[in-house]
Amino acid sequence: MTEQSIQTWNADLYDNQLGFVAEYGKDVVGLLNPKPGERILDLGCGTGDLTKELADLGADPFGIDLSYAMIEKAKEKYPELAFSVENAETFRTAEPFDAVFSNAALHWMKHPDLAAETIRLALRPGGRFAAEFGGKGNVETIIHGMQTVLARYGIDAAERNPWYFPSIGEYSSLLERHGFRVQFALHFHRPTPLRDGERGLSHWLTSFGDDFFPGLSAGEKEEAFSRIEDELRPLLFRDGVWVADYWRIRVLAVKA
């Protein structure tokens, strides 16, 4: 079975310090425009906040995520909703969905054709797919800072990169190859303030950058984080806040 990138997630840290992920995702819920009674697959649901948003609009959502920690947290927060630990690149369902929704998850799936096939097979004919995720250029400055620092530890950060950040042309073409009609596609710059002042970048690296620090002790990782902060401070630290250089793709497509 092909595995998408697997992070060791801290669900509490994700909720407490990285809540902007779900907050920005509310715009994608609006793009999907869920209808009461629609069955919606939330692909990469995290701790379930947007699954709950879909339910509050009258939909019947089902949230899946590869992280046991995220799904356990989602079940704890929203016991009335349905969640399951699943690999989005291989997930299959016997009963098709009216729509598939995904926020900040597809860039973790290094086999995008497999993810697109999952989405296609999960949808009924005419079903909608709405998503937002990292696009070309996303966190490029942060990645460069990690590459510079980790080279001192003998780590090739380029080889450790767990993300898929396509151009809008690449992703639209992929969807069309899988039988979708792309109705809307946008690639946009969204500088994103990170919470908790000086510690914002460290929280981000802890939650999202685990793949880049293989084999480092806790002390070495702390030292590497500090050096990355020094490297990036002139570029991304503004008025006491770290601002991540996000580039996002937002897309709405219909299964033909």
Foldseek 3Di string as FASTA:
>chain_A
DDAFDDDQADLVLCVPWVVVQVVVCVVLVVVLVDAAAFEEEEEQCFQPPVVVVNVVRRYQYEYEHQHPNRQVNNCVVCVVHHYDRDGLLDDADPDAGLEYEYTAPQFRGPCNLSNLLSRLRRHDAFHKYKYKHFAPPFLVVLLVLLCVLCVVVVFRQVVLDRTDHYHQVVVCVSNVVNQKDWDDKDKAKDWAWTPDFPCRVVSVCNRPVPSRDPPDDPVRVVVSSVSSCVVCVVPAHDPRIGIGGTIMMITMITRD
